[in-house]
Amino acid sequence: MLVRGEAGWEIIPDLAPLPSEPIIDKPGKGSFCATDLELMLRLRGIENLVLTGITTDVCVHTTMREANDRGFECVLIEDCCAATDQSNHDHALKMIKMQGGVFGAVATSAAMIGALA
């Protein structure tokens, strides 16, 4: 599913990476599984990750958990993620928020933009 070159893989023009930006082809649910993502982040000195995408309850959640296990600080932007079912999205957010943010934080895009301004 979503194999480079197959139908549905294409990156929409509004989100296309710059020529110098890497594209990670992930074979599993999480972005760290069998990829060079951690090495790429470490070499750039990146410690904080902002997560968006689909699906909140599977790929995004798995990536956030993997990142947390590797010592990265994570925030998931809730209105920039979606799931196949709204209740799955809501439950995924609830799991992140448990125990004061057990493996990350959740914010809105407005809050993130405000914090960056």
PDB file of N, CA and C in Angstrom:
ATOM      1  N   MET A   1       0.842  -1.176   0.000  1.00  0.00           N
ATOM      2  CA  MET A   1       0.000   0.000   0.000  1.00  0.00           C
ATOM      3  C   MET A   1       0.886   1.238   0.000  1.00  0.00           C
ATOM      4  N   LEU A   2       0.564   2.204  -0.819  1.00  0.00           N
ATOM      5  CA  LEU A   2       1.310   3.448  -0.930  1.00  0.00           C
ATOM      6  C   LEU A   2       2.782   3.222  -1.261  1.00  0.00           C
ATOM      7  N   VAL A   3       3.027   2.360  -2.209  1.00  0.00           N
ATOM      8  CA  VAL A   3       4.377   2.083  -2.679  1.00  0.00           C
ATOM      9  C   VAL A   3       4.743   3.140  -3.712  1.00  0.00           C
ATOM     10  N   ARG A   4       5.962   3.660  -3.631  1.00  0.00           N
ATOM     11  CA  ARG A   4       6.402   4.704  -4.548  1.00  0.00           C
ATOM     12  C   ARG A   4       6.130   4.282  -5.998  1.00  0.00           C
ATOM     13  N   GLY A   5       5.470   5.181  -6.728  1.00  0.00           N
ATOM     14  CA  GLY A   5       5.154   4.922  -8.125  1.00  0.00           C
ATOM     15  C   GLY A   5       3.787   4.300  -8.356  1.00  0.00           C
ATOM     16  N   GLU A   6       3.159   3.767  -7.311  1.00  0.00           N
ATOM     17  CA  GLU A   6       1.837   3.152  -7.450  1.00  0.00           C
ATOM     18  C   GLU A   6       0.745   4.215  -7.292  1.00  0.00           C
ATOM     19  N   ALA A   7      -0.441   3.892  -7.743  1.00  0.00           N
ATOM     20  CA  ALA A   7      -1.579   4.807  -7.618  1.00  0.00           C
ATOM     21  C   ALA A   7      -1.813   5.184  -6.166  1.00  0.00           C
ATOM     22  N   GLY A   8      -2.026   6.465  -5.920  1.00  0.00           N
ATOM     23  CA  GLY A   8      -2.294   6.947  -4.573  1.00  0.00           C
ATOM     24  C   GLY A   8      -1.063   7.349  -3.796  1.00  0.00           C
ATOM     25  N   TRP A   9       0.139   7.049  -4.313  1.00  0.00           N
ATOM     26  CA  TRP A   9       1.365   7.379  -3.596  1.00  0.00           C
ATOM     27  C   TRP A   9       1.723   8.851  -3.718  1.00  0.00           C
ATOM     28  N   GLU A  10       1.340   9.478  -4.798  1.00  0.00           N
ATOM     29  CA  GLU A  10       1.801  10.819  -5.120  1.00  0.00           C
ATOM     30  C   GLU A  10       1.633  11.805  -3.965  1.00  0.00           C
ATOM     31  N   ILE A  11       2.591  12.694  -3.861  1.00  0.00           N
ATOM     32  CA  ILE A  11       2.534  13.772  -2.879  1.00  0.00           C
ATOM     33  C   ILE A  11       1.807  14.933  -3.543  1.00  0.00           C
ATOM     34  N   ILE A  12       0.827  15.494  -2.858  1.00  0.00           N
ATOM     35  CA  ILE A  12       0.080  16.604  -3.456  1.00  0.00           C
ATOM     36  C   ILE A  12       0.999  17.811  -3.615  1.00  0.00           C
ATOM     37  N   PRO A  13       0.828  18.578  -4.686  1.00  0.00           N
ATOM     38  CA  PRO A  13       1.730  19.699  -4.972  1.00  0.00           C
ATOM     39  C   PRO A  13       1.903  20.691  -3.818  1.00  0.00           C
ATOM     40  N   ASP A  14       0.832  20.964  -3.078  1.00  0.00           N
ATOM     41  CA  ASP A  14       0.934  21.927  -1.970  1.00  0.00           C
ATOM     42  C   ASP A  14       1.886  21.461  -0.869  1.00  0.00           C
ATOM     43  N   LEU A  15       2.133  20.155  -0.784  1.00  0.00           N
ATOM     44  CA  LEU A  15       2.996  19.599   0.256  1.00  0.00           C
ATOM     45  C   LEU A  15       4.285  19.003  -0.298  1.00  0.00           C
ATOM     46  N   ALA A  16       4.556  19.250  -1.553  1.00  0.00           N
ATOM     47  CA  ALA A  16       5.741  18.666  -2.183  1.00  0.00           C
ATOM     48  C   ALA A  16       7.018  19.115  -1.476  1.00  0.00           C
ATOM     49  N   PRO A  17       7.932  18.181  -1.233  1.00  0.00           N
ATOM     50  CA  PRO A  17       9.195  18.548  -0.583  1.00  0.00           C
ATOM     51  C   PRO A  17      10.088  19.336  -1.540  1.00  0.00           C
ATOM     52  N   LEU A  18      10.952  20.133  -0.953  1.00  0.00           N
ATOM     53  CA  LEU A  18      11.969  20.824  -1.742  1.00  0.00           C
ATOM     54  C   LEU A  18      12.948  19.783  -2.267  1.00  0.00           C
ATOM     55  N   PRO A  19      13.687  20.086  -3.310  1.00  0.00           N
ATOM     56  CA  PRO A  19      14.635  19.102  -3.867  1.00  0.00           C
ATOM     57  C   PRO A  19      15.631  18.552  -2.836  1.00  0.00           C
ATOM     58  N   SER A  20      15.982  19.362  -1.839  1.00  0.00           N
ATOM     59  CA  SER A  20      16.952  18.917  -0.832  1.00  0.00           C
ATOM     60  C   SER A  20      16.313  18.138   0.326  1.00  0.00           C
ATOM     61  N   GLU A  21      14.988  18.067   0.380  1.00  0.00           N
ATOM     62  CA  GLU A  21      14.305  17.391   1.473  1.00  0.00           C
ATOM     63  C   GLU A  21      14.119  15.906   1.161  1.00  0.00           C
ATOM     64  N   PRO A  22      14.436  15.056   2.137  1.00  0.00           N
ATOM     65  CA  PRO A  22      14.306  13.606   1.905  1.00  0.00           C
ATOM     66  C   PRO A  22      12.858  13.138   1.944  1.00  0.00           C
ATOM     67  N   ILE A  23      12.608  12.037   1.275  1.00  0.00           N
ATOM     68  CA  ILE A  23      11.313  11.349   1.339  1.00  0.00           C
ATOM     69  C   ILE A  23      11.586   9.988   1.958  1.00  0.00           C
ATOM     70  N   ILE A  24      10.826   9.645   2.984  1.00  0.00           N
ATOM     71  CA  ILE A  24      10.985   8.365   3.674  1.00  0.00           C
ATOM     72  C   ILE A  24       9.916   7.397   3.168  1.00  0.00           C
ATOM     73  N   ASP A  25      10.335   6.327   2.533  1.00  0.00           N
ATOM     74  CA  ASP A  25       9.407   5.263   2.150  1.00  0.00           C
ATOM     75  C   ASP A  25       9.390   4.258   3.296  1.00  0.00           C
ATOM     76  N   LYS A  26       8.270   4.162   3.982  1.00  0.00           N
ATOM     77  CA  LYS A  26       8.199   3.277   5.142  1.00  0.00           C
ATOM     78  C   LYS A  26       7.464   1.986   4.804  1.00  0.00           C
ATOM     79  N   PRO A  27       8.041   0.857   5.154  1.00  0.00           N
ATOM     80  CA  PRO A  27       7.397  -0.417   4.851  1.00  0.00           C
ATOM     81  C   PRO A  27       6.389  -0.867   5.904  1.00  0.00           C
ATOM     82  N   GLY A  28       6.376  -0.215   7.058  1.00  0.00           N
ATOM     83  CA  GLY A  28       5.485  -0.623   8.137  1.00  0.00           C
ATOM     84  C   GLY A  28       4.557   0.502   8.542  1.00  0.00           C
ATOM     85  N   LYS A  29       3.923   0.352   9.672  1.00  0.00           N
ATOM     86  CA  LYS A  29       2.994   1.366  10.161  1.00  0.00           C
ATOM     87  C   LYS A  29       3.722   2.584  10.712  1.00  0.00           C
ATOM     88  N   GLY A  30       4.852   2.360  11.385  1.00  0.00           N
ATOM     89  CA  GLY A  30       5.604   3.456  11.967  1.00  0.00           C
ATOM     90  C   GLY A  30       6.721   3.918  11.041  1.00  0.00           C
ATOM     91  N   SER A  31       7.038   5.185  11.123  1.00  0.00           N
ATOM     92  CA  SER A  31       8.053   5.771  10.242  1.00  0.00           C
ATOM     93  C   SER A  31       9.484   5.402  10.599  1.00  0.00           C
ATOM     94  N   PHE A  32       9.703   4.819  11.775  1.00  0.00           N
ATOM     95  CA  PHE A  32      11.053   4.441  12.181  1.00  0.00           C
ATOM     96  C   PHE A  32      11.396   3.003  11.807  1.00  0.00           C
ATOM     97  N   CYS A  33      10.385   2.184  11.575  1.00  0.00           N
ATOM     98  CA  CYS A  33      10.583   0.765  11.287  1.00  0.00           C
ATOM     99  C   CYS A  33      11.270   0.571   9.934  1.00  0.00           C
ATOM    100  N   ALA A  34      12.485   0.023   9.953  1.00  0.00           N
ATOM    101  CA  ALA A  34      13.236  -0.318   8.736  1.00  0.00           C
ATOM    102  C   ALA A  34      13.460   0.877   7.810  1.00  0.00           C
ATOM    103  N   THR A  35      13.659   2.074   8.414  1.00  0.00           N
ATOM    104  CA  THR A  35      13.987   3.275   7.638  1.00  0.00           C
ATOM    105  C   THR A  35      15.206   3.948   8.266  1.00  0.00           C
ATOM    106  N   ASP A  36      15.706   4.962   7.599  1.00  0.00           N
ATOM    107  CA  ASP A  36      16.828   5.750   8.112  1.00  0.00           C
ATOM    108  C   ASP A  36      16.367   7.009   8.838  1.00  0.00           C
ATOM    109  N   LEU A  37      15.089   7.084   9.199  1.00  0.00           N
ATOM    110  CA  LEU A  37      14.556   8.307   9.790  1.00  0.00           C
ATOM    111  C   LEU A  37      15.306   8.724  11.051  1.00  0.00           C
ATOM    112  N   GLU A  38      15.525   7.796  11.966  1.00  0.00           N
ATOM    113  CA  GLU A  38      16.208   8.185  13.212  1.00  0.00           C
ATOM    114  C   GLU A  38      17.604   8.732  12.916  1.00  0.00           C
ATOM    115  N   LEU A  39      18.348   8.078  12.062  1.00  0.00           N
ATOM    116  CA  LEU A  39      19.686   8.547  11.696  1.00  0.00           C
ATOM    117  C   LEU A  39      19.620   9.938  11.077  1.00  0.00           C
ATOM    118  N   MET A  40      18.672  10.162  10.189  1.00  0.00           N
ATOM    119  CA  MET A  40      18.522  11.468   9.545  1.00  0.00           C
ATOM    120  C   MET A  40      18.231  12.565  10.565  1.00  0.00           C
ATOM    121  N   LEU A  41      17.367  12.270  11.525  1.00  0.00           N
ATOM    122  CA  LEU A  41      17.031  13.245  12.561  1.00  0.00           C
ATOM    123  C   LEU A  41      18.221  13.514  13.477  1.00  0.00           C
ATOM    124  N   ARG A  42      18.892  12.461  13.905  1.00  0.00           N
ATOM    125  CA  ARG A  42      20.047  12.614  14.806  1.00  0.00           C
ATOM    126  C   ARG A  42      21.171  13.417  14.146  1.00  0.00           C
ATOM    127  N   LEU A  43      21.444  13.136  12.872  1.00  0.00           N
ATOM    128  CA  LEU A  43      22.509  13.862  12.167  1.00  0.00           C
ATOM    129  C   LEU A  43      22.194  15.352  12.040  1.00  0.00           C
ATOM    130  N   ARG A  44      20.921  15.702  12.046  1.00  0.00           N
ATOM    131  CA  ARG A  44      20.504  17.104  11.957  1.00  0.00           C
ATOM    132  C   ARG A  44      20.295  17.740  13.332  1.00  0.00           C
ATOM    133  N   GLY A  45      20.481  16.958  14.385  1.00  0.00           N
ATOM    134  CA  GLY A  45      20.302  17.479  15.740  1.00  0.00           C
ATOM    135  C   GLY A  45      18.849  17.732  16.115  1.00  0.00           C
ATOM    136  N   ILE A  46      17.935  17.077  15.446  1.00  0.00           N
ATOM    137  CA  ILE A  46      16.497  17.264  15.703  1.00  0.00           C
ATOM    138  C   ILE A  46      16.077  16.406  16.885  1.00  0.00           C
ATOM    139  N   GLU A  47      15.429  17.047  17.860  1.00  0.00           N
ATOM    140  CA  GLU A  47      14.965  16.353  19.066  1.00  0.00           C
ATOM    141  C   GLU A  47      13.463  16.452  19.268  1.00  0.00           C
ATOM    142  N   ASN A  48      12.828  17.391  18.563  1.00  0.00           N
ATOM    143  CA  ASN A  48      11.395  17.645  18.727  1.00  0.00           C
ATOM    144  C   ASN A  48      10.683  17.394  17.410  1.00  0.00           C
ATOM    145  N   LEU A  49       9.600  16.621  17.464  1.00  0.00           N
ATOM    146  CA  LEU A  49       8.868  16.262  16.261  1.00  0.00           C
ATOM    147  C   LEU A  49       7.427  16.748  16.336  1.00  0.00           C
ATOM    148  N   VAL A  50       6.933  17.253  15.217  1.00  0.00           N
ATOM    149  CA  VAL A  50       5.534  17.633  15.056  1.00  0.00           C
ATOM    150  C   VAL A  50       4.924  16.621  14.101  1.00  0.00           C
ATOM    151  N   LEU A  51       3.907  15.914  14.561  1.00  0.00           N
ATOM    152  CA  LEU A  51       3.309  14.850  13.761  1.00  0.00           C
ATOM    153  C   LEU A  51       1.947  15.245  13.223  1.00  0.00           C
ATOM    154  N   THR A  52       1.747  14.938  11.939  1.00  0.00           N
ATOM    155  CA  THR A  52       0.469  15.129  11.260  1.00  0.00           C
ATOM    156  C   THR A  52       0.271  13.924  10.339  1.00  0.00           C
ATOM    157  N   GLY A  53      -0.912  13.777   9.771  1.00  0.00           N
ATOM    158  CA  GLY A  53      -1.095  12.726   8.778  1.00  0.00           C
ATOM    159  C   GLY A  53      -2.264  11.808   9.053  1.00  0.00           C
ATOM    160  N   ILE A  54      -2.239  10.707   8.329  1.00  0.00           N
ATOM    161  CA  ILE A  54      -3.275   9.702   8.485  1.00  0.00           C
ATOM    162  C   ILE A  54      -2.598   8.346   8.629  1.00  0.00           C
ATOM    163  N   THR A  55      -3.162   7.478   9.309  1.00  0.00           N
ATOM    164  CA  THR A  55      -4.318   7.617  10.166  1.00  0.00           C
ATOM    165  C   THR A  55      -3.850   7.852  11.599  1.00  0.00           C
ATOM    166  N   THR A  56      -4.601   8.688  12.305  1.00  0.00           N
ATOM    167  CA  THR A  56      -4.222   9.062  13.666  1.00  0.00           C
ATOM    168  C   THR A  56      -3.987   7.838  14.530  1.00  0.00           C
ATOM    169  N   ASP A  57      -4.892   6.874  14.429  1.00  0.00           N
ATOM    170  CA  ASP A  57      -4.881   5.726  15.335  1.00  0.00           C
ATOM    171  C   ASP A  57      -3.928   4.611  14.920  1.00  0.00           C
ATOM    172  N   VAL A  58      -3.333   4.704  13.736  1.00  0.00           N
ATOM    173  CA  VAL A  58      -2.424   3.642  13.305  1.00  0.00           C
ATOM    174  C   VAL A  58      -1.052   4.226  12.987  1.00  0.00           C
ATOM    175  N   CYS A  59      -0.856   4.743  11.799  1.00  0.00           N
ATOM    176  CA  CYS A  59       0.474   5.184  11.374  1.00  0.00           C
ATOM    177  C   CYS A  59       1.022   6.343  12.203  1.00  0.00           C
ATOM    178  N   VAL A  60       0.203   7.356  12.440  1.00  0.00           N
ATOM    179  CA  VAL A  60       0.677   8.515  13.209  1.00  0.00           C
ATOM    180  C   VAL A  60       0.953   8.109  14.655  1.00  0.00           C
ATOM    181  N   HIS A  61       0.052   7.352  15.231  1.00  0.00           N
ATOM    182  CA  HIS A  61       0.201   6.904  16.618  1.00  0.00           C
ATOM    183  C   HIS A  61       1.434   6.018  16.777  1.00  0.00           C
ATOM    184  N   THR A  62       1.621   5.092  15.846  1.00  0.00           N
ATOM    185  CA  THR A  62       2.773   4.193  15.902  1.00  0.00           C
ATOM    186  C   THR A  62       4.071   4.981  15.790  1.00  0.00           C
ATOM    187  N   THR A  63       4.116   5.921  14.873  1.00  0.00           N
ATOM    188  CA  THR A  63       5.314   6.750  14.719  1.00  0.00           C
ATOM    189  C   THR A  63       5.590   7.545  15.981  1.00  0.00           C
ATOM    190  N   MET A  64       4.553   8.080  16.604  1.00  0.00           N
ATOM    191  CA  MET A  64       4.734   8.853  17.835  1.00  0.00           C
ATOM    192  C   MET A  64       5.284   7.978  18.959  1.00  0.00           C
ATOM    193  N   ARG A  65       4.763   6.781  19.086  1.00  0.00           N
ATOM    194  CA  ARG A  65       5.242   5.854  20.116  1.00  0.00           C
ATOM    195  C   ARG A  65       6.699   5.467  19.868  1.00  0.00           C
ATOM    196  N   GLU A  66       7.023   5.175  18.597  1.00  0.00           N
ATOM    197  CA  GLU A  66       8.401   4.824  18.247  1.00  0.00           C
ATOM    198  C   GLU A  66       9.344   5.988  18.542  1.00  0.00           C
ATOM    199  N   ALA A  67       8.922   7.192  18.216  1.00  0.00           N
ATOM    200  CA  ALA A  67       9.742   8.381  18.452  1.00  0.00           C
ATOM    201  C   ALA A  67       9.968   8.579  19.949  1.00  0.00           C
ATOM    202  N   ASN A  68       8.921   8.429  20.726  1.00  0.00           N
ATOM    203  CA  ASN A  68       9.029   8.567  22.171  1.00  0.00           C
ATOM    204  C   ASN A  68       9.982   7.531  22.754  1.00  0.00           C
ATOM    205  N   ASP A  69       9.908   6.308  22.279  1.00  0.00           N
ATOM    206  CA  ASP A  69      10.814   5.255  22.745  1.00  0.00           C
ATOM    207  C   ASP A  69      12.271   5.589  22.438  1.00  0.00           C
ATOM    208  N   ARG A  70      12.492   6.393  21.413  1.00  0.00           N
ATOM    209  CA  ARG A  70      13.852   6.773  21.011  1.00  0.00           C
ATOM    210  C   ARG A  70      14.293   8.093  21.635  1.00  0.00           C
ATOM    211  N   GLY A  71      13.461   8.669  22.508  1.00  0.00           N
ATOM    212  CA  GLY A  71      13.846   9.877  23.229  1.00  0.00           C
ATOM    213  C   GLY A  71      13.484  11.191  22.572  1.00  0.00           C
ATOM    214  N   PHE A  72      12.674  11.159  21.511  1.00  0.00           N
ATOM    215  CA  PHE A  72      12.235  12.396  20.879  1.00  0.00           C
ATOM    216  C   PHE A  72      11.028  12.955  21.629  1.00  0.00           C
ATOM    217  N   GLU A  73      10.934  14.279  21.677  1.00  0.00           N
ATOM    218  CA  GLU A  73       9.762  14.953  22.233  1.00  0.00           C
ATOM    219  C   GLU A  73       8.792  15.173  21.084  1.00  0.00           C
ATOM    220  N   CYS A  74       7.528  14.810  21.285  1.00  0.00           N
ATOM    221  CA  CYS A  74       6.563  14.826  20.188  1.00  0.00           C
ATOM    222  C   CYS A  74       5.307  15.604  20.527  1.00  0.00           C
ATOM    223  N   VAL A  75       4.767  16.259  19.503  1.00  0.00           N
ATOM    224  CA  VAL A  75       3.437  16.860  19.585  1.00  0.00           C
ATOM    225  C   VAL A  75       2.673  16.456  18.326  1.00  0.00           C
ATOM    226  N   LEU A  76       1.460  15.996  18.515  1.00  0.00           N
ATOM    227  CA  LEU A  76       0.580  15.622  17.428  1.00  0.00           C
ATOM    228  C   LEU A  76      -0.404  16.770  17.213  1.00  0.00           C
ATOM    229  N   ILE A  77      -0.540  17.225  15.976  1.00  0.00           N
ATOM    230  CA  ILE A  77      -1.468  18.309  15.667  1.00  0.00           C
ATOM    231  C   ILE A  77      -2.818  17.686  15.295  1.00  0.00           C
ATOM    232  N   GLU A  78      -3.750  17.773  16.243  1.00  0.00           N
ATOM    233  CA  GLU A  78      -4.992  17.004  16.136  1.00  0.00           C
ATOM    234  C   GLU A  78      -5.867  17.362  14.947  1.00  0.00           C
ATOM    235  N   ASP A  79      -5.871  18.605  14.512  1.00  0.00           N
ATOM    236  CA  ASP A  79      -6.704  18.968  13.371  1.00  0.00           C
ATOM    237  C   ASP A  79      -5.959  18.832  12.037  1.00  0.00           C
ATOM    238  N   CYS A  80      -4.774  18.250  12.089  1.00  0.00           N
ATOM    239  CA  CYS A  80      -4.008  17.928  10.874  1.00  0.00           C
ATOM    240  C   CYS A  80      -3.817  16.424  10.758  1.00  0.00           C
ATOM    241  N   CYS A  81      -4.659  15.674  11.455  1.00  0.00           N
ATOM    242  CA  CYS A  81      -4.664  14.210  11.408  1.00  0.00           C
ATOM    243  C   CYS A  81      -6.102  13.751  11.230  1.00  0.00           C
ATOM    244  N   ALA A  82      -6.251  12.521  10.785  1.00  0.00           N
ATOM    245  CA  ALA A  82      -7.589  11.954  10.648  1.00  0.00           C
ATOM    246  C   ALA A  82      -7.495  10.440  10.724  1.00  0.00           C
ATOM    247  N   ALA A  83      -8.629   9.823  11.008  1.00  0.00           N
ATOM    248  CA  ALA A  83      -8.727   8.367  11.056  1.00  0.00           C
ATOM    249  C   ALA A  83      -9.928   7.950  10.211  1.00  0.00           C
ATOM    250  N   THR A  84     -10.051   6.666   9.973  1.00  0.00           N
ATOM    251  CA  THR A  84     -11.178   6.177   9.176  1.00  0.00           C
ATOM    252  C   THR A  84     -12.499   6.346   9.906  1.00  0.00           C
ATOM    253  N   ASP A  85     -12.428   6.550  11.197  1.00  0.00           N
ATOM    254  CA  ASP A  85     -13.610   6.710  12.039  1.00  0.00           C
ATOM    255  C   ASP A  85     -13.280   7.783  13.082  1.00  0.00           C
ATOM    256  N   GLN A  86     -14.176   8.737  13.299  1.00  0.00           N
ATOM    257  CA  GLN A  86     -13.921   9.832  14.237  1.00  0.00           C
ATOM    258  C   GLN A  86     -13.645   9.311  15.650  1.00  0.00           C
ATOM    259  N   SER A  87     -14.323   8.254  16.054  1.00  0.00           N
ATOM    260  CA  SER A  87     -14.090   7.734  17.405  1.00  0.00           C
ATOM    261  C   SER A  87     -12.679   7.158  17.534  1.00  0.00           C
ATOM    262  N   ASN A  88     -12.138   6.579  16.475  1.00  0.00           N
ATOM    263  CA  ASN A  88     -10.749   6.098  16.521  1.00  0.00           C
ATOM    264  C   ASN A  88      -9.789   7.270  16.692  1.00  0.00           C
ATOM    265  N   HIS A  89     -10.030   8.347  15.974  1.00  0.00           N
ATOM    266  CA  HIS A  89      -9.214   9.560  16.105  1.00  0.00           C
ATOM    267  C   HIS A  89      -9.278  10.077  17.547  1.00  0.00           C
ATOM    268  N   ASP A  90     -10.497  10.202  18.064  1.00  0.00           N
ATOM    269  CA  ASP A  90     -10.686  10.721  19.420  1.00  0.00           C
ATOM    270  C   ASP A  90     -10.017   9.837  20.468  1.00  0.00           C
ATOM    271  N   HIS A  91     -10.133   8.530  20.318  1.00  0.00           N
ATOM    272  CA  HIS A  91      -9.511   7.617  21.277  1.00  0.00           C
ATOM    273  C   HIS A  91      -7.983   7.664  21.185  1.00  0.00           C
ATOM    274  N   ALA A  92      -7.447   7.815  19.997  1.00  0.00           N
ATOM    275  CA  ALA A  92      -5.991   7.929  19.837  1.00  0.00           C
ATOM    276  C   ALA A  92      -5.482   9.167  20.555  1.00  0.00           C
ATOM    277  N   LEU A  93      -6.202  10.288  20.429  1.00  0.00           N
ATOM    278  CA  LEU A  93      -5.813  11.516  21.130  1.00  0.00           C
ATOM    279  C   LEU A  93      -5.901  11.328  22.642  1.00  0.00           C
ATOM    280  N   LYS A  94      -6.945  10.666  23.087  1.00  0.00           N
ATOM    281  CA  LYS A  94      -7.126  10.415  24.524  1.00  0.00           C
ATOM    282  C   LYS A  94      -5.964   9.587  25.080  1.00  0.00           C
ATOM    283  N   MET A  95      -5.522   8.593  24.310  1.00  0.00           N
ATOM    284  CA  MET A  95      -4.410   7.748  24.770  1.00  0.00           C
ATOM    285  C   MET A  95      -3.124   8.554  24.913  1.00  0.00           C
ATOM    286  N   ILE A  96      -2.887   9.505  24.021  1.00  0.00           N
ATOM    287  CA  ILE A  96      -1.687  10.343  24.113  1.00  0.00           C
ATOM    288  C   ILE A  96      -1.752  11.240  25.345  1.00  0.00           C
ATOM    289  N   LYS A  97      -2.934  11.785  25.616  1.00  0.00           N
ATOM    290  CA  LYS A  97      -3.111  12.738  26.715  1.00  0.00           C
ATOM    291  C   LYS A  97      -3.110  12.084  28.099  1.00  0.00           C
ATOM    292  N   MET A  98      -3.295  10.754  28.158  1.00  0.00           N
ATOM    293  CA  MET A  98      -3.359  10.064  29.453  1.00  0.00           C
ATOM    294  C   MET A  98      -2.110  10.307  30.274  1.00  0.00           C
ATOM    295  N   GLN A  99      -2.264  10.312  31.573  1.00  0.00           N
ATOM    296  CA  GLN A  99      -1.157  10.426  32.524  1.00  0.00           C
ATOM    297  C   GLN A  99      -0.282  11.640  32.231  1.00  0.00           C
ATOM    298  N   GLY A 100      -0.913  12.745  31.843  1.00  0.00           N
ATOM    299  CA  GLY A 100      -0.175  13.977  31.598  1.00  0.00           C
ATOM    300  C   GLY A 100       0.654  13.959  30.326  1.00  0.00           C
ATOM    301  N   GLY A 101       0.273  13.140  29.375  1.00  0.00           N
ATOM    302  CA  GLY A 101       1.010  13.063  28.109  1.00  0.00           C
ATOM    303  C   GLY A 101       2.001  11.923  28.139  1.00  0.00           C
ATOM    304  N   VAL A 102       1.501  10.718  28.239  1.00  0.00           N
ATOM    305  CA  VAL A 102       2.333   9.535  28.458  1.00  0.00           C
ATOM    306  C   VAL A 102       3.424   9.359  27.409  1.00  0.00           C
ATOM    307  N   PHE A 103       3.155   9.734  26.159  1.00  0.00           N
ATOM    308  CA  PHE A 103       4.229   9.648  25.174  1.00  0.00           C
ATOM    309  C   PHE A 103       4.221  10.808  24.192  1.00  0.00           C
ATOM    310  N   GLY A 104       3.721  11.942  24.648  1.00  0.00           N
ATOM    311  CA  GLY A 104       3.746  13.134  23.818  1.00  0.00           C
ATOM    312  C   GLY A 104       2.657  14.101  24.218  1.00  0.00           C
ATOM    313  N   ALA A 105       2.437  15.070  23.348  1.00  0.00           N
ATOM    314  CA  ALA A 105       1.434  16.098  23.592  1.00  0.00           C
ATOM    315  C   ALA A 105       0.539  16.215  22.373  1.00  0.00           C
ATOM    316  N   VAL A 106      -0.595  16.874  22.570  1.00  0.00           N
ATOM    317  CA  VAL A 106      -1.556  17.118  21.499  1.00  0.00           C
ATOM    318  C   VAL A 106      -1.826  18.616  21.468  1.00  0.00           C
ATOM    319  N   ALA A 107      -1.863  19.190  20.270  1.00  0.00           N
ATOM    320  CA  ALA A 107      -2.169  20.605  20.108  1.00  0.00           C
ATOM    321  C   ALA A 107      -2.983  20.791  18.840  1.00  0.00           C
ATOM    322  N   THR A 108      -3.530  21.981  18.672  1.00  0.00           N
ATOM    323  CA  THR A 108      -4.224  22.340  17.437  1.00  0.00           C
ATOM    324  C   THR A 108      -3.243  23.084  16.533  1.00  0.00           C
ATOM    325  N   SER A 109      -3.588  23.183  15.261  1.00  0.00           N
ATOM    326  CA  SER A 109      -2.728  23.932  14.336  1.00  0.00           C
ATOM    327  C   SER A 109      -2.689  25.411  14.726  1.00  0.00           C
ATOM    328  N   ALA A 110      -3.790  25.952  15.203  1.00  0.00           N
ATOM    329  CA  ALA A 110      -3.804  27.358  15.628  1.00  0.00           C
ATOM    330  C   ALA A 110      -2.843  27.579  16.796  1.00  0.00           C
ATOM    331  N   ALA A 111      -2.845  26.674  17.751  1.00  0.00           N
ATOM    332  CA  ALA A 111      -1.936  26.795  18.887  1.00  0.00           C
ATOM    333  C   ALA A 111      -0.482  26.679  18.444  1.00  0.00           C
ATOM    334  N   MET A 112      -0.216  25.782  17.515  1.00  0.00           N
ATOM    335  CA  MET A 112       1.157  25.599  17.018  1.00  0.00           C
ATOM    336  C   MET A 112       1.628  26.839  16.261  1.00  0.00           C
ATOM    337  N   ILE A 113       0.785  27.353  15.403  1.00  0.00           N
ATOM    338  CA  ILE A 113       1.130  28.564  14.655  1.00  0.00           C
ATOM    339  C   ILE A 113       1.358  29.728  15.614  1.00  0.00           C
ATOM    340  N   GLY A 114       0.496  29.832  16.621  1.00  0.00           N
ATOM    341  CA  GLY A 114       0.650  30.887  17.623  1.00  0.00           C
ATOM    342  C   GLY A 114       1.955  30.766  18.394  1.00  0.00           C
ATOM    343  N   ALA A 115       2.340  29.538  18.711  1.00  0.00           N
ATOM    344  CA  ALA A 115       3.581  29.322  19.456  1.00  0.00           C
ATOM    345  C   ALA A 115       4.796  29.631  18.614  1.00  0.00           C
ATOM    346  N   LEU A 116       4.693  29.468  17.314  1.00  0.00           N
ATOM    347  CA  LEU A 116       5.819  29.719  16.432  1.00  0.00           C
ATOM    348  C   LEU A 116       5.951  31.192  16.053  1.00  0.00           C
ATOM    349  N   ALA A 117       4.855  31.941  16.220  1.00  0.00           N
ATOM    350  CA  ALA A 117       4.858  33.353  15.831  1.00  0.00           C
ATOM    351  C   ALA A 117       5.674  34.210  16.776  1.00  0.00           C
TER     352      ALA A 117
END
